[in-house]
Protein backbone atom coordinates (compact mmCIF):
# COMPACT_ATOMS: atom_id res chain seq x y z
CA UNK A 1 0.00 0.00 0.00
CA UNK A 2 1.60 3.23 -1.12
CA UNK A 3 0.61 5.05 2.06
CA UNK A 4 0.22 8.78 1.37
CA UNK A 5 1.88 9.88 4.62
CA UNK A 6 5.17 8.30 3.49
CA UNK A 7 4.76 7.05 -0.09
CA UNK A 8 8.01 5.12 -0.28
CA UNK A 9 7.90 2.26 -2.80
CA UNK A 10 8.86 -0.62 -0.54
CA UNK A 11 7.87 -3.19 -3.14
CA UNK A 12 10.38 -1.81 -5.63
CA UNK A 13 13.08 -1.57 -2.95
CA UNK A 14 12.49 -5.23 -2.14
CA UNK A 15 12.79 -6.47 -5.70
CA UNK A 16 15.74 -4.35 -6.85
CA UNK A 17 18.70 -6.55 -7.89
CA UNK A 18 21.08 -4.49 -5.73
CA UNK A 19 19.38 -5.76 -2.59
CA UNK A 20 18.61 -3.88 0.61
CA UNK A 21 22.16 -2.81 1.43
CA UNK A 22 25.22 -4.03 3.30
CA UNK A 23 27.05 -3.69 6.60
CA UNK A 24 30.82 -3.34 7.14
CA UNK A 25 32.84 -6.52 7.52
CA UNK A 26 33.41 -5.84 11.22
CA UNK A 27 29.64 -5.72 11.81
CA UNK A 28 28.98 -9.09 10.18
CA UNK A 29 27.52 -11.44 12.73
CA UNK A 30 26.29 -8.64 14.99
CA UNK A 31 23.43 -9.83 17.18
CA UNK A 32 19.99 -8.28 16.64
CA UNK A 33 17.16 -9.29 18.96
CA UNK A 34 13.71 -9.34 17.36
CA UNK A 35 10.80 -9.13 19.80
CA UNK A 36 7.86 -11.01 18.30
CA UNK A 37 7.58 -13.70 15.62
CA UNK A 38 4.61 -12.26 13.76
CA UNK A 39 4.98 -11.36 10.09
CA UNK A 40 6.79 -8.11 10.98
CA UNK A 41 9.35 -9.81 13.21
CA UNK A 42 10.01 -12.61 10.74
CA UNK A 43 10.43 -10.26 7.78
CA UNK A 44 12.92 -8.22 9.81
CA UNK A 45 14.79 -11.34 10.94
CA UNK A 46 14.83 -12.85 7.42
CA UNK A 47 16.23 -9.72 5.78
CA UNK A 48 18.75 -9.06 8.57
CA UNK A 49 20.04 -12.61 8.22
CA UNK A 50 20.45 -12.15 4.47
CA UNK A 51 22.64 -9.12 5.25
CA UNK A 52 24.92 -11.21 7.45
CA UNK A 53 23.56 -10.16 10.82
CA UNK A 54 22.50 -12.68 13.46
CA UNK A 55 18.81 -12.29 14.34
CA UNK A 56 17.60 -13.70 17.64
CA UNK A 57 13.82 -14.00 17.55
CA UNK A 58 11.81 -14.04 20.79
CA UNK A 59 8.15 -15.12 20.83
CA UNK A 60 5.79 -15.25 23.81
CA UNK A 61 3.15 -17.47 22.20
CA UNK A 62 3.28 -18.82 18.66
CA UNK A 63 4.80 -17.96 15.31
CA UNK A 64 2.46 -15.80 13.26
CA UNK A 65 1.16 -13.26 15.76
CA UNK A 66 -2.25 -12.09 14.55
CA UNK A 67 -1.88 -14.12 11.37
CA UNK A 68 -3.38 -17.04 13.21
CA UNK A 69 -5.10 -19.98 11.51
CA UNK A 70 -6.50 -22.62 13.85
CA UNK A 71 -8.18 -25.97 13.21
CA UNK A 72 -11.51 -26.76 14.80
CA UNK A 73 -11.21 -29.10 17.82
CA UNK A 74 -12.51 -32.45 16.71
CA UNK A 75 -12.77 -31.14 13.20
CA UNK A 76 -11.58 -32.05 9.74
CA UNK A 77 -7.99 -31.61 8.61
CA UNK A 78 -7.53 -28.53 6.48
CA UNK A 79 -10.68 -26.72 7.66
CA UNK A 80 -9.48 -23.63 9.53
CA UNK A 81 -10.64 -20.49 11.27
CA UNK A 82 -8.72 -17.28 10.63
CA UNK A 83 -8.73 -15.59 14.02
CA UNK A 84 -6.71 -12.56 12.95
CA UNK A 85 -6.02 -11.36 9.43
CA UNK A 86 -8.25 -13.19 6.99
CA UNK A 87 -8.50 -10.98 3.87
CA UNK A 88 -5.60 -9.26 2.18
CA UNK A 89 -5.87 -6.50 -0.44
CA UNK A 90 -3.68 -6.94 -3.49
CA UNK A 91 -2.53 -3.34 -3.08
CA UNK A 92 -0.42 -4.66 -0.19
CA UNK A 93 2.41 -5.61 -2.54
CA UNK A 94 5.14 -5.90 0.09
CA UNK A 95 3.14 -8.51 1.99
CA UNK A 96 2.39 -10.32 -1.27
CA UNK A 97 6.14 -10.33 -2.04
CA UNK A 98 6.64 -12.66 0.92
CA UNK A 99 3.44 -14.57 0.26
CA UNK A 100 4.80 -15.32 -3.23
CA UNK A 101 8.26 -16.08 -1.85
CA UNK A 102 6.88 -18.93 0.27
CA UNK A 103 4.58 -20.05 -2.58
CA UNK A 104 1.31 -19.56 -0.75
CA UNK A 105 -1.83 -19.53 -2.89
CA UNK A 106 -4.83 -17.23 -2.68
CA UNK A 107 -8.41 -17.01 -3.85
CA UNK A 108 -10.85 -14.07 -3.73
CA UNK A 109 -12.46 -13.45 -0.35
CA UNK A 110 -16.29 -13.46 -0.29
CA UNK A 111 -16.90 -9.89 0.79
CA UNK A 112 -20.44 -8.48 0.53
CA UNK A 113 -21.73 -7.88 -3.00
CA UNK A 114 -18.67 -9.46 -4.64
CA UNK A 115 -19.00 -12.24 -7.22
CA UNK A 116 -17.26 -14.62 -4.81
CA UNK A 117 -19.98 -14.07 -2.21
CA UNK A 118 -22.63 -15.03 -4.82
CA UNK A 119 -25.33 -13.36 -2.72
CA UNK A 120 -25.58 -10.83 0.08
CA UNK A 121 -28.30 -10.11 2.61
CA UNK A 122 -28.64 -6.72 4.30
CA UNK A 123 -30.86 -6.94 7.37
CA UNK A 124 -31.59 -3.43 8.61
CA UNK A 125 -34.38 -2.28 10.86
CA UNK A 126 -36.06 -5.66 10.62
CA UNK A 127 -36.19 -5.50 6.81
CA UNK A 128 -34.29 -8.17 4.89
CA UNK A 129 -32.87 -7.24 1.48
CA UNK A 130 -31.46 -9.99 -0.75
CA UNK A 131 -29.02 -9.14 -3.54
CA UNK A 132 -26.84 -11.05 -5.96
CA UNK A 133 -25.43 -7.73 -7.19
CA UNK A 134 -25.65 -4.13 -6.00
CA UNK A 135 -28.31 -3.48 -8.64
CA UNK A 136 -30.70 -5.77 -6.73
CA UNK A 137 -30.78 -3.48 -3.69
CA UNK A 138 -33.48 -0.82 -3.19
CA UNK A 139 -32.65 2.68 -4.52
CA UNK A 140 -32.11 3.93 -0.96
CA UNK A 141 -28.87 1.96 -0.67
CA UNK A 142 -27.66 3.27 -4.03
CA UNK A 143 -28.36 6.77 -2.77
CA UNK A 144 -26.29 6.14 0.37
CA UNK A 145 -23.41 4.70 -1.68
CA UNK A 146 -23.47 7.75 -3.94
CA UNK A 147 -23.43 10.05 -0.92
CA UNK A 148 -20.28 8.32 0.37
CA UNK A 149 -18.62 8.61 -3.04
CA UNK A 150 -19.58 12.30 -3.17
CA UNK A 151 -18.22 12.89 0.34
CA UNK A 152 -14.88 11.44 -0.76
CA UNK A 153 -14.89 13.53 -3.92
CA UNK A 154 -15.49 16.67 -1.83
CA UNK A 155 -12.01 16.28 -0.32
CA UNK A 156 -10.22 15.08 -3.46
CA UNK A 157 -9.84 11.38 -2.67
CA UNK A 158 -10.33 10.25 -6.32
CA UNK A 159 -7.42 12.51 -7.34
CA UNK A 160 -5.32 11.03 -4.55
CA UNK A 161 -6.17 7.50 -5.69
CA UNK A 162 -5.04 8.34 -9.22
CA UNK A 163 -1.77 9.84 -7.97
CA UNK A 164 -1.08 6.69 -5.93
CA UNK A 165 -1.95 4.43 -8.88
CA UNK A 166 0.43 6.42 -11.10
CA UNK A 167 3.09 6.55 -8.33
CA UNK A 168 3.35 10.30 -8.71
CA UNK A 169 4.95 10.76 -5.30
CA UNK A 170 5.15 14.59 -5.23
CA UNK A 171 1.50 14.74 -6.25
CA UNK A 172 0.56 12.25 -3.53
CA UNK A 173 2.19 14.45 -0.89
CA UNK A 174 0.70 17.63 -2.36
CA UNK A 175 -2.80 16.16 -2.12
CA UNK A 176 -2.48 14.34 1.20
CA UNK A 177 -0.60 16.74 3.46
CA UNK A 178 -3.30 19.47 3.27
CA UNK A 179 -5.86 16.81 4.25
CA UNK A 180 -3.79 15.99 7.34
CA UNK A 181 -3.68 19.67 8.33
CA UNK A 182 -7.40 20.08 7.80
CA UNK A 183 -8.74 16.75 9.10
CA UNK A 184 -6.45 15.51 11.89
CA UNK A 185 -8.93 16.50 14.58
CA UNK A 186 -12.06 15.30 12.76
CA UNK A 187 -13.72 11.99 13.52
CA UNK A 188 -15.05 9.60 10.90
CA UNK A 189 -18.61 10.38 11.95
CA UNK A 190 -17.91 14.11 11.99
CA UNK A 191 -16.68 13.88 8.42
CA UNK A 192 -19.74 11.96 7.25
CA UNK A 193 -22.19 14.22 9.06
CA UNK A 194 -20.50 17.42 7.82
CA UNK A 195 -20.30 16.39 4.16
CA UNK A 196 -22.65 18.17 1.79
CA UNK A 197 -23.78 14.86 0.32
CA UNK A 198 -24.96 13.41 3.63
CA UNK A 199 -26.34 16.72 4.92
CA UNK A 200 -28.72 16.61 1.97
CA UNK A 201 -30.09 13.25 3.15
CA UNK A 202 -32.05 12.31 6.26
CA UNK A 203 -30.38 10.80 9.32
CA UNK A 204 -31.46 7.35 8.14
CA UNK A 205 -28.80 7.58 5.41
CA UNK A 206 -26.01 8.05 7.96
CA UNK A 207 -27.47 5.25 10.06
CA UNK A 208 -27.60 2.88 7.09
CA UNK A 209 -24.08 3.85 6.05
CA UNK A 210 -22.86 2.97 9.54
CA UNK A 211 -24.60 -0.40 9.46
CA UNK A 212 -23.85 -1.39 5.86
CA UNK A 213 -20.78 0.70 5.10
CA UNK A 214 -18.68 0.05 2.04
CA UNK A 215 -16.45 -2.78 0.86
CA UNK A 216 -16.29 -5.13 3.83
CA UNK A 217 -19.41 -3.98 5.63
CA UNK A 218 -20.58 -1.59 8.33
CA UNK A 219 -18.08 0.79 9.86
CA UNK A 220 -20.04 2.63 12.54
CA UNK A 221 -17.89 1.10 15.28
CA UNK A 222 -15.06 3.12 13.69
CA UNK A 223 -17.07 6.36 13.74
CA UNK A 224 -15.10 7.73 16.74
CA UNK A 225 -11.76 7.22 14.96
CA UNK A 226 -9.87 9.83 12.99
CA UNK A 227 -11.19 10.27 9.47
CA UNK A 228 -7.57 10.11 8.27
CA UNK A 229 -7.54 6.39 9.10
CA UNK A 230 -10.52 5.84 6.80
CA UNK A 231 -9.27 8.05 3.98
CA UNK A 232 -6.03 6.04 3.90
CA UNK A 233 -8.00 2.81 3.53
CA UNK A 234 -9.85 4.24 0.54
CA UNK A 235 -6.86 5.94 -1.05
CA UNK A 236 -4.69 2.81 -0.93
CA UNK A 237 -7.49 0.47 -2.12
CA UNK A 238 -7.09 -1.44 1.12
CA UNK A 239 -10.80 -2.25 1.16
CA UNK A 240 -10.88 -3.73 -2.35
CA UNK A 241 -9.84 -6.92 -4.14
CA UNK A 242 -9.34 -8.95 -0.98
CA UNK A 243 -7.70 -12.34 -1.18
CA UNK A 244 -8.01 -15.32 1.15
CA UNK A 245 -4.93 -17.49 1.70
CA UNK A 246 -5.59 -21.13 0.91
CA UNK A 247 -4.47 -23.42 3.70
CA UNK A 248 -4.55 -20.56 6.21
CA UNK A 249 -2.56 -17.34 6.32
CA UNK A 250 -0.44 -18.53 9.26
CA UNK A 251 1.47 -20.70 6.82
CA UNK A 252 3.06 -17.50 5.43
CA UNK A 253 5.03 -16.69 8.61
CA UNK A 254 5.55 -20.39 9.32
CA UNK A 255 7.02 -20.98 5.86
CA UNK A 256 9.12 -17.82 6.08
CA UNK A 257 10.53 -19.17 9.36
CA UNK A 258 11.58 -22.33 7.50
CA UNK A 259 12.56 -20.66 4.20
CA UNK A 260 16.25 -21.25 3.24
CA UNK A 261 18.11 -17.96 2.91
CA UNK A 262 19.09 -17.42 -0.73
CA UNK A 263 22.33 -15.51 -0.13
CA UNK A 264 24.67 -14.10 2.49
CA UNK A 265 26.81 -16.02 4.99
CA UNK A 266 23.81 -18.06 6.13
CA UNK A 267 22.77 -19.10 2.61
CA UNK A 268 20.95 -22.42 2.62
CA UNK A 269 20.01 -22.12 6.28
CA UNK A 270 16.65 -20.91 7.55
CA UNK A 271 15.68 -18.81 10.56
CA UNK A 272 14.52 -22.06 12.11
CA UNK A 273 17.98 -23.56 11.58
CA UNK A 274 19.66 -20.51 13.11
CA UNK A 275 17.48 -20.90 16.21
CA UNK A 276 17.82 -24.63 16.63
CA UNK A 277 14.18 -25.20 15.71
CA UNK A 278 12.27 -22.77 17.92
CA UNK A 279 12.25 -19.06 18.77
CA UNK A 280 13.66 -17.88 22.09
CA UNK A 281 11.17 -17.43 24.96
CA UNK A 282 9.09 -14.28 25.25
CA UNK A 283 10.78 -11.10 26.44
CA UNK A 284 10.31 -10.04 30.08
CA UNK A 285 12.65 -7.03 30.23
CA UNK A 286 14.65 -4.59 28.09
CA UNK A 287 17.49 -2.47 29.45
CA UNK A 288 20.74 -0.86 28.42
CA UNK A 289 23.71 -3.21 28.64
CA UNK A 290 27.48 -2.67 28.56
CA UNK A 291 29.88 -2.03 25.71
CA UNK A 292 28.93 -2.97 22.19
CA UNK A 293 30.98 -4.62 19.49
CA UNK A 294 33.23 -2.36 17.48
CA UNK A 295 30.76 -2.33 14.62
CA UNK A 296 28.10 -0.29 16.43
CA UNK A 297 27.91 3.47 16.47
CA UNK A 298 26.64 4.05 19.99
CA UNK A 299 29.06 2.39 22.35
CA UNK A 300 26.42 0.35 24.23
CA UNK A 301 24.28 -2.71 23.72
CA UNK A 302 20.72 -3.62 24.72
CA UNK A 303 20.07 -6.36 27.25
CA UNK A 304 17.10 -8.65 26.64
CA UNK A 305 15.84 -10.82 29.49
CA UNK A 306 13.48 -13.64 28.59
CA UNK A 307 10.60 -14.96 30.69
CA UNK A 308 12.85 -17.57 32.34
CA UNK A 309 15.41 -15.02 33.48
CA UNK A 310 18.14 -15.51 30.87
CA UNK A 311 19.73 -12.17 29.84
CA UNK A 312 21.62 -11.65 26.58
CA UNK A 313 23.12 -8.48 25.13
CA UNK A 314 22.54 -7.41 21.55
CA UNK A 315 23.91 -4.81 19.17
CA UNK A 316 20.38 -3.74 18.22
CA UNK A 317 16.78 -4.66 18.99
CA UNK A 318 13.72 -4.58 16.72
CA UNK A 319 10.50 -4.45 18.74
CA UNK A 320 7.50 -5.70 16.74
CA UNK A 321 4.98 -6.44 19.50
CA UNK A 322 2.18 -3.99 20.13
CA UNK A 323 3.64 -0.93 21.79
CA UNK A 324 1.39 -1.10 24.88
CA UNK A 325 3.29 -4.22 25.92
CA UNK A 326 6.41 -2.13 26.56
CA UNK A 327 4.50 -0.57 29.45
CA UNK A 328 2.20 -3.36 30.55
CA UNK A 329 4.02 -6.65 29.96
CA UNK A 330 7.71 -6.02 29.34
CA UNK A 331 9.77 -4.34 32.05
CA UNK A 332 11.31 -1.67 29.87
CA UNK A 333 13.95 0.70 31.16
CA UNK A 334 12.47 4.17 30.86
CA UNK A 335 15.64 5.71 29.46
CA UNK A 336 15.45 3.55 26.32
CA UNK A 337 12.85 5.93 24.87
CA UNK A 338 12.33 9.65 25.27
CA UNK A 339 9.16 10.95 26.88
CA UNK A 340 7.47 12.02 23.63
CA UNK A 341 7.88 8.45 22.33
CA UNK A 342 6.54 6.97 25.57
CA UNK A 343 3.61 9.35 25.31
CA UNK A 344 2.88 8.26 21.76
CA UNK A 345 3.03 4.58 22.71
CA UNK A 346 0.84 4.98 25.77
CA UNK A 347 -1.78 6.94 23.83
CA UNK A 348 -2.11 4.36 21.09
CA UNK A 349 -5.79 3.45 20.87
CA UNK A 350 -6.39 -0.24 20.18
CA UNK A 351 -9.57 -1.59 18.67
CA UNK A 352 -11.28 -4.54 20.27
CA UNK A 353 -12.19 -7.35 17.90
CA UNK A 354 -14.18 -10.55 18.26
CA UNK A 355 -14.72 -13.42 15.82
CA UNK A 356 -16.59 -16.68 16.18
CA UNK A 357 -16.37 -19.55 13.68
CA UNK A 358 -18.15 -22.85 13.26
CA UNK A 359 -17.40 -25.73 10.91
CA UNK A 360 -20.39 -27.09 8.99
CA UNK A 361 -20.91 -30.36 7.19
CA UNK A 362 -21.22 -28.74 3.76
CA UNK A 363 -21.73 -25.31 2.13
CA UNK A 364 -25.49 -25.56 2.49
CA UNK A 365 -25.86 -21.87 1.58
CA UNK A 366 -25.49 -22.89 -2.05
CA UNK A 367 -28.93 -24.50 -1.85
CA UNK A 368 -31.75 -22.48 -3.35
CA UNK A 369 -35.21 -22.04 -1.94
CA UNK A 370 -37.54 -23.64 -4.51
CA UNK A 371 -40.22 -21.05 -3.78
CA UNK A 372 -38.06 -17.94 -4.29
CA UNK A 373 -35.06 -19.19 -6.25
CA UNK A 374 -32.79 -17.41 -3.75
CA UNK A 375 -29.85 -18.96 -1.95
CA UNK A 376 -30.96 -20.12 1.47
CA UNK A 377 -28.20 -18.14 3.24
CA UNK A 378 -25.86 -15.34 2.19
CA UNK A 379 -22.99 -13.16 3.33
CA UNK A 380 -24.88 -11.10 5.87
CA UNK A 381 -24.71 -7.54 7.14
CA UNK A 382 -27.12 -6.80 9.97
CA UNK A 383 -27.81 -4.36 12.76
CA UNK A 384 -28.21 -7.35 15.09
CA UNK A 385 -25.40 -8.39 17.43
CA UNK A 386 -23.69 -10.59 14.85
CA UNK A 387 -23.13 -7.57 12.54
CA UNK A 388 -21.14 -9.37 9.80
CA UNK A 389 -21.35 -13.05 8.81
CA UNK A 390 -19.14 -14.62 6.15
CA UNK A 391 -19.61 -17.96 4.38
CA UNK A 392 -16.38 -19.69 3.44
CA UNK A 393 -16.60 -22.59 1.02
CA UNK A 394 -14.27 -25.53 1.46
CA UNK A 395 -11.01 -25.14 -0.40
CA UNK A 396 -11.77 -28.12 -2.59
CA UNK A 397 -14.89 -26.38 -3.86
CA UNK A 398 -17.13 -29.42 -3.43
CA UNK A 399 -20.81 -29.27 -2.52
CA UNK A 400 -20.45 -32.01 0.07
CA UNK A 401 -17.16 -31.15 1.78
CA UNK A 402 -16.97 -29.37 5.17
CA UNK A 403 -16.94 -25.58 5.11
CA UNK A 404 -16.72 -22.68 7.55
CA UNK A 405 -19.01 -19.91 8.73
CA UNK A 406 -17.65 -16.83 10.45
CA UNK A 407 -20.83 -16.35 12.45
CA UNK A 408 -19.82 -12.92 13.67
CA UNK A 409 -17.00 -10.45 13.13
CA UNK A 410 -17.30 -7.37 15.33
CA UNK A 411 -15.14 -4.45 16.47
CA UNK A 412 -14.97 -2.08 19.43
CA UNK A 413 -18.28 -1.70 21.32
CA UNK A 414 -19.86 -4.54 19.35
CA UNK A 415 -16.92 -6.80 20.24
CA UNK A 416 -17.22 -5.93 23.93
CA UNK A 417 -20.76 -7.29 23.95
CA UNK A 418 -19.30 -10.78 23.45
CA UNK A 419 -16.30 -10.47 25.74
CA UNK A 420 -17.78 -11.97 28.92
CA UNK A 421 -19.57 -14.84 27.15
CA UNK A 422 -18.28 -18.38 26.72
CA UNK A 423 -17.82 -19.89 23.28
CA UNK A 424 -21.04 -21.90 23.52
CA UNK A 425 -23.03 -18.88 24.71
CA UNK A 426 -21.71 -16.86 21.81
CA UNK A 427 -22.66 -19.50 19.26
CA UNK A 428 -26.16 -19.97 20.68
CA UNK A 429 -26.86 -16.24 20.61
CA UNK A 430 -25.41 -15.85 17.12
CA UNK A 431 -27.37 -18.75 15.67
CA UNK A 432 -30.54 -17.41 17.27
CA UNK A 433 -29.88 -13.92 15.88
CA UNK A 434 -29.25 -15.26 12.38
CA UNK A 435 -32.41 -17.34 12.75
CA UNK A 436 -34.35 -14.07 12.75
CA UNK A 437 -32.85 -13.27 9.35
CA UNK A 438 -33.21 -16.82 7.97
CA UNK A 439 -36.27 -18.26 9.77
CA UNK A 440 -36.46 -21.34 7.56
CA UNK A 441 -32.79 -22.37 7.90
CA UNK A 442 -31.60 -24.69 10.68
CA UNK A 443 -28.00 -23.51 10.89
CA UNK A 444 -27.27 -25.46 14.07
CA UNK A 445 -28.09 -28.78 12.40
CA UNK A 446 -25.11 -28.32 10.07
CA UNK A 447 -22.50 -27.55 12.76
CA UNK A 448 -19.86 -30.23 13.29
CA UNK A 449 -16.79 -30.24 15.52
CA UNK A 450 -16.28 -27.55 18.17
CA UNK A 451 -16.60 -23.80 17.51
CA UNK A 452 -13.65 -21.41 17.75
CA UNK A 453 -13.72 -17.85 19.03
CA UNK A 454 -11.34 -15.02 19.88
CA UNK A 455 -11.48 -11.67 21.65
CA UNK A 456 -8.09 -10.09 21.00
CA UNK A 457 -8.43 -7.54 23.78
CA UNK A 458 -8.42 -10.35 26.37
CA UNK A 459 -5.14 -11.84 25.10
CA UNK A 460 -2.33 -10.52 27.34
CA UNK A 461 0.16 -10.74 24.47
CA UNK A 462 -1.89 -8.34 22.34
CA UNK A 463 -4.41 -6.39 24.49
CA UNK A 464 -6.33 -5.47 21.35
CA UNK A 465 -6.66 -6.24 17.67
CA UNK A 466 -5.03 -3.24 16.02
CA UNK A 467 -4.44 0.45 16.59
CA UNK A 468 -7.15 2.85 15.50
CA UNK A 469 -6.04 6.46 15.81
CA UNK A 470 -8.45 8.90 17.43
CA UNK A 471 -8.87 12.50 16.27
CA UNK A 472 -5.76 14.51 17.13
CA UNK A 473 -3.47 11.48 17.21
CA UNK A 474 -1.52 12.18 14.02
CA UNK A 475 1.43 13.58 15.94
CA UNK A 476 1.65 10.36 17.97
CA UNK A 477 1.48 8.24 14.83
CA UNK A 478 4.23 10.27 13.22
CA UNK A 479 6.53 9.91 16.24
CA UNK A 480 6.23 6.14 16.29
CA UNK A 481 6.50 5.67 12.54
CA UNK A 482 9.52 7.98 12.26
CA UNK A 483 11.47 6.40 15.12
CA UNK A 484 13.68 4.46 12.68
CA UNK A 485 15.27 7.71 11.39
CA UNK A 486 15.70 9.56 14.68
CA UNK A 487 19.18 11.06 14.38
CA UNK A 488 18.66 13.28 17.42
CA UNK A 489 18.46 10.44 19.94
CA UNK A 490 21.13 10.31 22.66
CA UNK A 491 23.37 7.21 22.82
CA UNK A 492 21.24 5.68 25.59
CA UNK A 493 18.31 5.47 23.16
CA UNK A 494 20.16 4.28 20.06
CA UNK A 495 19.87 0.77 18.71
CA UNK A 496 16.13 0.19 19.29
CA UNK A 497 13.71 0.14 16.37
CA UNK A 498 9.92 -0.05 16.46
CA UNK A 499 7.99 -2.06 13.85
CA UNK A 500 4.65 -3.77 13.42
CA UNK A 501 1.32 -2.75 11.96
CA UNK A 502 0.54 -0.49 14.94
CA UNK A 503 3.67 1.56 14.15
CA UNK A 504 2.53 1.96 10.55
CA UNK A 505 -0.02 4.38 9.14
CA UNK A 506 -2.11 1.36 8.07
CA UNK A 507 -2.85 -0.46 11.33
CA UNK A 508 -4.63 -3.75 11.01
CA UNK A 509 -3.14 -4.55 7.59
CA UNK A 510 -0.31 -7.04 7.15
CA UNK A 511 1.36 -4.78 4.60
CA UNK A 512 1.92 -2.16 7.31
CA UNK A 513 3.60 -4.79 9.47
CA UNK A 514 5.90 -5.74 6.59
CA UNK A 515 6.86 -2.20 5.52
CA UNK A 516 7.67 -1.04 9.06
CA UNK A 517 9.85 -4.14 9.44
CA UNK A 518 11.72 -3.09 6.30
CA UNK A 519 12.10 0.42 7.72
CA UNK A 520 13.62 -1.13 10.85
CA UNK A 521 16.01 -3.20 8.73
CA UNK A 522 17.24 0.01 7.09
CA UNK A 523 17.64 1.55 10.56
CA UNK A 524 19.63 -1.40 11.93
CA UNK A 525 21.94 -1.41 8.89
CA UNK A 526 22.64 2.29 9.33
CA UNK A 527 23.10 1.89 13.09
CA UNK A 528 25.78 -0.73 12.42
CA UNK A 529 27.64 1.51 10.01
CA UNK A 530 26.15 0.15 6.78
CA UNK A 531 24.00 1.66 4.08
CA UNK A 532 21.59 0.88 1.28
CA UNK A 533 23.09 0.46 -2.18
CA UNK A 534 23.38 3.82 -4.00
CA UNK A 535 21.36 2.36 -6.89
CA UNK A 536 18.60 1.29 -4.50
CA UNK A 537 18.15 3.90 -1.75
CA UNK A 538 16.09 2.78 1.21
CA UNK A 539 13.25 4.35 3.17
CA UNK A 540 15.54 6.37 5.40
CA UNK A 541 17.41 7.74 2.39
CA UNK A 542 14.12 9.01 0.94
CA UNK A 543 12.77 10.28 4.23
CA UNK A 544 13.66 13.95 3.79
CA UNK A 545 11.63 14.11 0.59
CA UNK A 546 8.71 11.88 1.60
CA UNK A 547 8.49 12.30 5.38
CA UNK A 548 5.07 12.37 7.06
CA UNK A 549 3.87 15.90 7.59
CA UNK A 550 5.21 17.52 10.78
CA UNK A 551 2.14 19.37 12.03
CA UNK A 552 4.07 21.35 14.64
CA UNK A 553 6.65 22.52 12.10
CA UNK A 554 3.94 23.61 9.63
CA UNK A 555 1.58 25.15 12.17
CA UNK A 556 3.23 27.95 14.18
CA UNK A 557 0.17 28.20 16.41
CA UNK A 558 0.36 24.52 17.42
CA UNK A 559 0.54 24.15 21.16
CA UNK A 560 3.38 22.29 22.77
CA UNK A 561 2.88 18.75 23.93
CA UNK A 562 1.50 18.44 27.47
CA UNK A 563 3.95 17.52 30.22
CA UNK A 564 4.98 13.87 30.03
CA UNK A 565 3.47 11.38 32.40
CA UNK A 566 5.74 9.82 34.96
CA UNK A 567 6.98 6.32 34.24
CA UNK A 568 8.30 3.81 36.68
CA UNK A 569 11.21 1.52 35.91
CA UNK A 570 8.95 -0.67 33.82
CA UNK A 571 8.27 2.23 31.46
CA UNK A 572 4.62 2.33 32.52
């Protein structure tokens, strides 16, 4: 995704024959700890190893992070539930670079009103609307869709999309940066309500837009978030052309872990080989250590203590876990980050997210009601508690093979409604709710195996699904994203690099996790005295020209940051 805040072409940097750079001979073999074995951590470790550095990956739970594909207990081999990322836009080319590298296969995801979904039901206000294409919906929904398109046109989003598609980077910045100045403090709902297109329509149009939304479904649980988050999704086509990974997306990080390195001193070995088969235990503490190897530029190393008390010193550390964990779960020496960075991490706003899946004996939704000719069940958007329901055919495509239903996918307040309920209670309520939409369909009779559910906010290794910036949070986002090029940091804060989708400007998308990992790789190489190849400059080399807008530098009236909050030794 060519993110307009920093439209660096990571995909081209990745595929350039000159590679990502080099480090001096004396820095070869330098130890770099990587906190987290999600896709961000593994991309960082893989590329660092190719450059001749020695990555040491720590993982508190399992390889993959929020790319988590799980089988159903007592279920059928190969039938999986995607608890985290489950649909991936093809505009995320850096993520697809690694997906292709490990030879994973994809198929279109059955989003509402797409050909793959075959049919969609919108259940709103007790009225059920069946559609096999958008043209089948009542004119009211077309009017709402047009209002949303007009609202985007009012602020120049179609022009921005064209500039991104054409990779006209100066034009991208010229169009986006004024939007940041004008819209940083505006919520998604405030934008919708203030647009001329929606002001011309009754409140019911805004209500329907919140329930039905665009692309993947209703977005009203995101209404409190900054409108900039939503405009990025549209501008980068992140909500279009979604792909599902056959065999489960977790195989991408798992295969990358086992992928033989193609070049460098570790050629032929994999990350798994370099770690003796398994990542190191989860990290319990980060602190400044003693003297570094001669290859580093700071004169000190970073000490990493794992959950069992073993402490090792490293020449650099890439932190890919969600930033809240540096306060809440990892005892982090306060001096490793300055107070503005701590403030930005602590003020990250994480979205709650809940999913519940069941395995069924066959894709019975392909059946048609003989009286109406309609499919008996469809991809469903509703104002009931389930909100969004997705029907996932078996990968073999057969009419009689087991398949999967994502009974409910909810965010934020809607996700919290499920948090206190057991798996069985969730399924019973969801099936009952869907029974109101499909009164003649006995969904429960098709369920086999045990259901699977997740509430990411209750997982202590995540504490939420993904960051969702609130109005006024752009400065915080910029601080975290730009940490990899901070030349003004004192020696005590050098050698640490933040990565992961919550550090990116596209939280919740795997491509943001990958591109921030690549930024961190550039930062580590530079920290160790290396550089990108002159024929293939990296993200830090392009930063002066493409940097995210500095609101304080461009707005003389901007107030100073409030006094920093006190942190104890754990950085919290």
